């Protein structure tokens, strides 16, 4: 099985975190839009009470899991097409 989508999603999440950490995202706009764990933190608590590096780690891990789920779905779809 090829993990292309997992790799792309992980790299994009890492780039998002690096973009935010370097200060080019001063109002955290892109991080708040694209980080799934931050969505849940905003719903249930105060975002300022959470360690930002922990949020970066969770962002990368969550996008890696999303990419892995996509890769598994693509592999199943390809396998089903080849069986039919």
N, C-alpha and C. Protein backbone atom coordinates (compact mmCIF):
# COMPACT_ATOMS: atom_id res chain seq x y z
N UNK A 1 0.84 -1.18 0.00
CA UNK A 1 0.00 0.00 0.00
C UNK A 1 0.88 1.24 0.00
N UNK A 2 0.51 2.19 -0.81
CA UNK A 2 1.24 3.46 -0.90
C UNK A 2 0.67 4.46 0.09
N UNK A 3 1.52 5.19 0.75
CA UNK A 3 1.09 6.16 1.76
C UNK A 3 1.30 7.59 1.26
N UNK A 4 0.94 7.86 0.03
CA UNK A 4 1.16 9.19 -0.55
C UNK A 4 0.31 10.27 0.11
N UNK A 5 -0.95 10.00 0.35
CA UNK A 5 -1.83 11.00 0.95
C UNK A 5 -1.42 11.26 2.40
N UNK A 6 -1.02 10.21 3.10
CA UNK A 6 -0.55 10.38 4.47
C UNK A 6 0.66 11.30 4.52
N UNK A 7 1.59 11.08 3.62
CA UNK A 7 2.79 11.91 3.57
C UNK A 7 2.46 13.35 3.24
N UNK A 8 1.60 13.56 2.27
CA UNK A 8 1.23 14.92 1.87
C UNK A 8 0.51 15.64 3.01
N UNK A 9 -0.44 14.97 3.64
CA UNK A 9 -1.18 15.59 4.76
C UNK A 9 -0.25 15.92 5.92
N UNK A 10 0.66 15.01 6.23
CA UNK A 10 1.61 15.24 7.32
C UNK A 10 2.52 16.41 7.02
N UNK A 11 3.03 16.49 5.79
CA UNK A 11 3.90 17.60 5.42
C UNK A 11 3.16 18.93 5.41
N UNK A 12 1.91 18.92 4.95
CA UNK A 12 1.13 20.16 4.97
C UNK A 12 0.85 20.62 6.40
N UNK A 13 0.58 19.68 7.29
CA UNK A 13 0.34 20.05 8.69
C UNK A 13 1.62 20.58 9.33
N UNK A 14 2.75 19.96 9.03
CA UNK A 14 4.02 20.44 9.56
C UNK A 14 4.32 21.85 9.02
N UNK A 15 4.03 22.07 7.74
CA UNK A 15 4.23 23.40 7.15
C UNK A 15 3.30 24.43 7.79
N UNK A 16 2.07 24.04 8.08
CA UNK A 16 1.14 24.92 8.75
C UNK A 16 1.65 25.32 10.13
N UNK A 17 2.15 24.35 10.88
CA UNK A 17 2.68 24.64 12.22
C UNK A 17 3.93 25.51 12.15
N UNK A 18 4.79 25.23 11.20
CA UNK A 18 5.99 26.03 11.02
C UNK A 18 5.64 27.46 10.60
N UNK A 19 4.65 27.60 9.72
CA UNK A 19 4.17 28.91 9.29
C UNK A 19 3.67 29.71 10.48
N UNK A 20 2.94 29.06 11.37
CA UNK A 20 2.42 29.74 12.55
C UNK A 20 3.52 30.05 13.54
N UNK A 21 4.43 29.13 13.74
CA UNK A 21 5.49 29.31 14.74
C UNK A 21 6.48 30.41 14.35
N UNK A 22 6.66 30.65 13.06
CA UNK A 22 7.60 31.68 12.63
C UNK A 22 7.02 33.08 12.70
N UNK A 23 5.71 33.18 12.94
CA UNK A 23 5.11 34.49 13.10
C UNK A 23 4.48 35.06 11.85
N UNK A 24 4.47 34.32 10.76
CA UNK A 24 3.84 34.81 9.53
C UNK A 24 2.31 34.72 9.59
N UNK A 25 1.79 34.07 10.61
CA UNK A 25 0.35 33.96 10.83
C UNK A 25 0.05 34.67 12.15
N UNK A 26 0.13 36.00 12.18
CA UNK A 26 0.10 36.72 13.45
C UNK A 26 -1.21 36.58 14.23
N UNK A 27 -2.32 36.39 13.56
CA UNK A 27 -3.60 36.27 14.26
C UNK A 27 -4.06 34.82 14.34
N UNK A 28 -3.18 33.88 14.02
CA UNK A 28 -3.45 32.44 14.08
C UNK A 28 -4.62 32.03 13.18
N UNK A 29 -4.87 32.79 12.15
CA UNK A 29 -6.01 32.55 11.28
C UNK A 29 -5.93 31.18 10.61
N UNK A 30 -4.82 30.88 9.98
CA UNK A 30 -4.69 29.61 9.26
C UNK A 30 -4.65 28.43 10.21
N UNK A 31 -3.98 28.59 11.35
CA UNK A 31 -3.92 27.51 12.32
C UNK A 31 -5.31 27.19 12.86
N UNK A 32 -6.09 28.20 13.17
CA UNK A 32 -7.43 27.97 13.72
C UNK A 32 -8.36 27.38 12.66
N UNK A 33 -8.15 27.72 11.39
CA UNK A 33 -9.00 27.16 10.33
C UNK A 33 -8.67 25.71 10.03
N UNK A 34 -7.40 25.34 10.09
CA UNK A 34 -6.97 24.04 9.56
C UNK A 34 -6.53 23.03 10.61
N UNK A 35 -6.53 23.38 11.86
CA UNK A 35 -6.12 22.45 12.91
C UNK A 35 -7.34 21.84 13.58
N UNK A 36 -7.56 20.56 13.34
CA UNK A 36 -8.72 19.87 13.91
C UNK A 36 -8.70 19.86 15.44
N UNK A 37 -7.57 19.59 16.11
CA UNK A 37 -7.59 19.61 17.58
C UNK A 37 -7.95 20.98 18.17
N UNK A 38 -7.56 22.03 17.50
CA UNK A 38 -7.87 23.37 18.01
C UNK A 38 -9.37 23.64 17.92
N UNK A 39 -10.05 23.04 16.96
CA UNK A 39 -11.49 23.20 16.89
C UNK A 39 -12.13 22.69 18.17
N UNK A 40 -11.67 21.53 18.65
CA UNK A 40 -12.26 20.94 19.85
C UNK A 40 -11.85 21.70 21.11
N UNK A 41 -10.63 22.20 21.14
CA UNK A 41 -10.20 22.98 22.31
C UNK A 41 -11.03 24.25 22.41
N UNK A 42 -11.30 24.89 21.27
CA UNK A 42 -12.10 26.11 21.28
C UNK A 42 -13.53 25.85 21.73
N UNK A 43 -14.05 24.66 21.43
CA UNK A 43 -15.42 24.34 21.82
C UNK A 43 -15.55 24.10 23.32
N UNK A 44 -14.55 23.44 23.91
CA UNK A 44 -14.68 22.98 25.28
C UNK A 44 -13.80 23.70 26.29
N UNK A 45 -12.97 24.63 25.86
CA UNK A 45 -12.09 25.31 26.81
C UNK A 45 -11.47 26.55 26.24
N UNK A 46 -10.48 27.04 26.94
CA UNK A 46 -9.78 28.25 26.54
C UNK A 46 -8.51 27.87 25.78
N UNK A 47 -8.39 28.36 24.58
CA UNK A 47 -7.24 28.03 23.73
C UNK A 47 -5.94 28.55 24.33
N UNK A 48 -6.01 29.61 25.11
CA UNK A 48 -4.80 30.20 25.69
C UNK A 48 -4.27 29.40 26.87
N UNK A 49 -5.05 28.45 27.37
CA UNK A 49 -4.62 27.62 28.50
C UNK A 49 -3.90 26.36 28.05
N UNK A 50 -3.80 26.14 26.73
CA UNK A 50 -3.19 24.92 26.20
C UNK A 50 -1.81 25.25 25.64
N UNK A 51 -0.88 24.33 25.84
CA UNK A 51 0.48 24.50 25.32
C UNK A 51 0.45 24.48 23.79
N UNK A 52 1.03 25.49 23.18
CA UNK A 52 1.00 25.62 21.72
C UNK A 52 1.78 24.50 21.04
N UNK A 53 2.87 24.04 21.63
CA UNK A 53 3.65 22.96 21.02
C UNK A 53 2.89 21.65 21.05
N UNK A 54 2.09 21.45 22.10
CA UNK A 54 1.24 20.27 22.16
C UNK A 54 0.18 20.34 21.06
N UNK A 55 -0.34 21.53 20.78
CA UNK A 55 -1.31 21.71 19.70
C UNK A 55 -0.67 21.46 18.34
N UNK A 56 0.58 21.89 18.18
CA UNK A 56 1.29 21.60 16.94
C UNK A 56 1.43 20.09 16.74
N UNK A 57 1.83 19.40 17.78
CA UNK A 57 1.99 17.95 17.70
C UNK A 57 0.65 17.28 17.37
N UNK A 58 -0.40 17.68 18.05
CA UNK A 58 -1.72 17.09 17.77
C UNK A 58 -2.20 17.41 16.36
N UNK A 59 -1.86 18.58 15.86
CA UNK A 59 -2.25 18.95 14.50
C UNK A 59 -1.57 18.04 13.48
N UNK A 60 -0.28 17.83 13.64
CA UNK A 60 0.45 16.96 12.71
C UNK A 60 -0.06 15.52 12.80
N UNK A 61 -0.27 15.04 14.00
CA UNK A 61 -0.75 13.67 14.18
C UNK A 61 -2.16 13.52 13.61
N UNK A 62 -3.02 14.49 13.86
CA UNK A 62 -4.40 14.36 13.35
C UNK A 62 -4.44 14.37 11.83
N UNK A 63 -3.63 15.20 11.19
CA UNK A 63 -3.61 15.20 9.73
C UNK A 63 -2.95 13.95 9.17
N UNK A 64 -2.01 13.37 9.90
CA UNK A 64 -1.43 12.09 9.48
C UNK A 64 -2.49 10.99 9.54
N UNK A 65 -3.30 11.00 10.57
CA UNK A 65 -4.38 10.01 10.70
C UNK A 65 -5.43 10.21 9.61
N UNK A 66 -5.77 11.45 9.31
CA UNK A 66 -6.72 11.73 8.23
C UNK A 66 -6.15 11.21 6.90
N UNK A 67 -4.88 11.46 6.64
CA UNK A 67 -4.25 10.97 5.42
C UNK A 67 -4.21 9.46 5.37
N UNK A 68 -3.95 8.83 6.50
CA UNK A 68 -3.93 7.36 6.55
C UNK A 68 -5.31 6.79 6.25
N UNK A 69 -6.33 7.40 6.81
CA UNK A 69 -7.71 6.96 6.51
C UNK A 69 -8.01 7.10 5.02
N UNK A 70 -7.56 8.17 4.42
CA UNK A 70 -7.75 8.35 2.98
C UNK A 70 -7.00 7.29 2.18
N UNK A 71 -5.76 7.01 2.58
CA UNK A 71 -4.98 5.97 1.89
C UNK A 71 -5.63 4.60 2.01
N UNK A 72 -6.17 4.29 3.17
CA UNK A 72 -6.85 3.01 3.36
C UNK A 72 -8.10 2.95 2.48
N UNK A 73 -8.85 4.04 2.43
CA UNK A 73 -10.02 4.09 1.56
C UNK A 73 -9.67 3.95 0.09
N UNK A 74 -8.60 4.59 -0.33
CA UNK A 74 -8.15 4.48 -1.73
C UNK A 74 -7.73 3.05 -2.03
N UNK A 75 -7.01 2.41 -1.12
CA UNK A 75 -6.56 1.04 -1.33
C UNK A 75 -7.75 0.08 -1.41
N UNK A 76 -8.75 0.28 -0.54
CA UNK A 76 -9.95 -0.58 -0.58
C UNK A 76 -10.71 -0.38 -1.89
N UNK A 77 -10.82 0.86 -2.31
CA UNK A 77 -11.53 1.14 -3.55
C UNK A 77 -10.81 0.50 -4.75
N UNK A 78 -9.50 0.58 -4.78
CA UNK A 78 -8.73 -0.02 -5.86
C UNK A 78 -8.85 -1.54 -5.84
N UNK A 79 -8.86 -2.10 -4.64
CA UNK A 79 -8.98 -3.56 -4.51
C UNK A 79 -10.36 -4.02 -4.97
N UNK A 80 -11.40 -3.26 -4.61
CA UNK A 80 -12.75 -3.62 -5.04
C UNK A 80 -12.93 -3.50 -6.55
N UNK A 81 -12.29 -2.50 -7.16
CA UNK A 81 -12.36 -2.35 -8.61
C UNK A 81 -11.66 -3.49 -9.32
N UNK A 82 -10.54 -3.95 -8.75
CA UNK A 82 -9.80 -5.03 -9.40
C UNK A 82 -10.50 -6.37 -9.26
N UNK A 83 -11.29 -6.53 -8.20
CA UNK A 83 -12.04 -7.79 -7.99
C UNK A 83 -13.27 -7.86 -8.89
N UNK A 84 -13.81 -6.72 -9.25
CA UNK A 84 -15.06 -6.72 -10.05
C UNK A 84 -14.82 -6.94 -11.51
